[in-house]
C-alpha atoms as a PDB file:
ATOM      1  CA  MET A   1     -57.692  36.581 -55.401  1.00  0.00           C
ATOM      2  CA  LEU A   2     -56.566  36.760 -51.762  1.00  0.00           C
ATOM      3  CA  SER A   3     -58.970  35.937 -48.962  1.00  0.00           C
ATOM      4  CA  VAL A   4     -59.665  38.370 -46.133  1.00  0.00           C
ATOM      5  CA  TRP A   5     -57.573  36.181 -43.825  1.00  0.00           C
ATOM      6  CA  GLU A   6     -54.601  36.266 -46.227  1.00  0.00           C
ATOM      7  CA  LEU A   7     -54.873  40.049 -46.559  1.00  0.00           C
ATOM      8  CA  ASN A   8     -54.958  40.469 -42.774  1.00  0.00           C
ATOM      9  CA  MET A   9     -51.968  38.154 -42.305  1.00  0.00           C
ATOM     10  CA  ASN A  10     -50.003  39.982 -44.998  1.00  0.00           C
ATOM     11  CA  LEU A  11     -50.735  43.358 -43.357  1.00  0.00           C
ATOM     12  CA  LYS A  12     -49.829  41.999 -39.919  1.00  0.00           C
ATOM     13  CA  GLU A  13     -46.536  40.594 -41.228  1.00  0.00           C
ATOM     14  CA  ARG A  14     -45.618  43.959 -42.767  1.00  0.00           C
ATOM     15  CA  LEU A  15     -46.410  45.808 -39.539  1.00  0.00           C
ATOM     16  CA  ASN A  16     -44.365  43.330 -37.517  1.00  0.00           C
ATOM     17  CA  HIS A  17     -41.503  43.609 -40.006  1.00  0.00           C
ATOM     18  CA  LYS A  18     -41.524  47.418 -39.766  1.00  0.00           C
ATOM     19  CA  LEU A  19     -41.425  47.216 -35.977  1.00  0.00           C
ATOM     20  CA  TYR A  20     -38.609  44.654 -36.147  1.00  0.00           C
ATOM     21  CA  ILE A  21     -36.565  46.938 -38.422  1.00  0.00           C
ATOM     22  CA  GLN A  22     -37.150  49.899 -36.090  1.00  0.00           C
ATOM     23  CA  VAL A  23     -35.954  47.890 -33.100  1.00  0.00           C
ATOM     24  CA  LEU A  24     -32.851  46.738 -35.002  1.00  0.00           C
ATOM     25  CA  ARG A  25     -32.017  50.307 -36.016  1.00  0.00           C
ATOM     26  CA  GLN A  26     -32.131  51.388 -32.380  1.00  0.00           C
ATOM     27  CA  MET A  27     -29.595  48.727 -31.376  1.00  0.00           C
ATOM     28  CA  SER A  28     -25.885  49.307 -31.345  1.00  0.00           C
ATOM     29  CA  PRO A  29     -23.846  47.397 -33.941  1.00  0.00           C
ATOM     30  CA  GLU A  30     -22.560  45.140 -31.164  1.00  0.00           C
ATOM     31  CA  LYS A  31     -26.086  44.273 -30.001  1.00  0.00           C
ATOM     32  CA  ARG A  32     -27.194  43.585 -33.588  1.00  0.00           C
ATOM     33  CA  LEU A  33     -24.271  41.214 -34.046  1.00  0.00           C
ATOM     34  CA  LEU A  34     -25.082  39.448 -30.775  1.00  0.00           C
ATOM     35  CA  LYS A  35     -28.722  39.149 -31.891  1.00  0.00           C
ATOM     36  CA  ALA A  36     -27.565  37.627 -35.198  1.00  0.00           C
ATOM     37  CA  PHE A  37     -25.503  35.039 -33.303  1.00  0.00           C
ATOM     38  CA  GLU A  38     -28.454  34.321 -31.013  1.00  0.00           C
ATOM     39  CA  LEU A  39     -30.827  33.830 -33.959  1.00  0.00           C
ATOM     40  CA  SER A  40     -28.304  31.610 -35.750  1.00  0.00           C
ATOM     41  CA  GLU A  41     -27.950  29.396 -32.686  1.00  0.00           C
ATOM     42  CA  PHE A  42     -31.726  29.264 -32.242  1.00  0.00           C
ATOM     43  CA  THR A  43     -32.143  28.229 -35.889  1.00  0.00           C
ATOM     44  CA  ARG A  44     -29.476  25.548 -35.513  1.00  0.00           C
ATOM     45  CA  GLN A  45     -31.212  24.138 -32.434  1.00  0.00           C
ATOM     46  CA  LEU A  46     -34.586  24.097 -34.236  1.00  0.00           C
ATOM     47  CA  PHE A  47     -32.990  22.268 -37.159  1.00  0.00           C
ATOM     48  CA  ILE A  48     -31.436  19.653 -34.867  1.00  0.00           C
ATOM     49  CA  HIS A  49     -34.671  19.212 -32.919  1.00  0.00           C
ATOM     50  CA  GLY A  50     -36.621  18.711 -36.144  1.00  0.00           C
ATOM     51  CA  LEU A  51     -34.171  16.069 -37.354  1.00  0.00           C
ATOM     52  CA  GLN A  52     -34.319  14.288 -33.997  1.00  0.00           C
ATOM     53  CA  LYS A  53     -38.107  14.151 -34.214  1.00  0.00           C
ATOM     54  CA  ARG A  54     -37.909  12.855 -37.779  1.00  0.00           C
ATOM     55  CA  PHE A  55     -35.253  10.211 -37.029  1.00  0.00           C
ATOM     56  CA  PRO A  56     -35.752   9.186 -33.368  1.00  0.00           C
ATOM     57  CA  HIS A  57     -34.551   5.638 -34.036  1.00  0.00           C
ATOM     58  CA  LEU A  58     -31.013   6.562 -35.157  1.00  0.00           C
ATOM     59  CA  SER A  59     -27.926   6.096 -33.026  1.00  0.00           C
ATOM     60  CA  ASP A  60     -25.906   9.206 -32.153  1.00  0.00           C
ATOM     61  CA  GLU A  61     -23.337   8.323 -34.806  1.00  0.00           C
ATOM     62  CA  GLU A  62     -25.962   7.820 -37.532  1.00  0.00           C
ATOM     63  CA  PHE A  63     -27.710  11.010 -36.497  1.00  0.00           C
ATOM     64  CA  GLN A  64     -24.466  12.999 -36.719  1.00  0.00           C
ATOM     65  CA  LYS A  65     -23.893  11.705 -40.256  1.00  0.00           C
ATOM     66  CA  ILE A  66     -27.342  12.827 -41.376  1.00  0.00           C
ATOM     67  CA  LEU A  67     -26.950  16.161 -39.588  1.00  0.00           C
ATOM     68  CA  LEU A  68     -23.628  16.867 -41.288  1.00  0.00           C
ATOM     69  CA  LYS A  69     -25.010  15.892 -44.709  1.00  0.00           C
ATOM     70  CA  ARG A  70     -27.985  18.212 -44.257  1.00  0.00           C
ATOM     71  CA  ILE A  71     -25.816  21.084 -43.034  1.00  0.00           C
ATOM     72  CA  ASP A  72     -23.502  20.595 -46.013  1.00  0.00           C
ATOM     73  CA  LYS A  73     -26.508  21.025 -48.325  1.00  0.00           C
ATOM     74  CA  CYS A  74     -27.237  24.376 -46.649  1.00  0.00           C
ATOM     75  CA  HIS A  75     -23.758  25.755 -47.256  1.00  0.00           C
ATOM     76  CA  ASN A  76     -23.608  28.742 -49.596  1.00  0.00           C
ATOM     77  CA  ARG A  77     -21.380  27.554 -52.410  1.00  0.00           C
ATOM     78  CA  ASN A  78     -20.877  31.089 -53.730  1.00  0.00           C
ATOM     79  CA  TYR A  79     -18.085  31.685 -51.219  1.00  0.00           C
END
């Protein structure tokens, strides 16, 4: 059984999602594509920042190796 907090969070997420979809629908295709690129870059930067916090002791070369291995694991192999 869900707690009151979980129910409120679930409702809030749905309302935010509906608003997000409405905003996207009002954008031109070009703006939606630019937003997708922006979100992809933001996600990439968050991923890199998280790895840097997890492995602060690595040299740049070692860090790049780990980064590339992790990115390779994320690749969609269906294509």
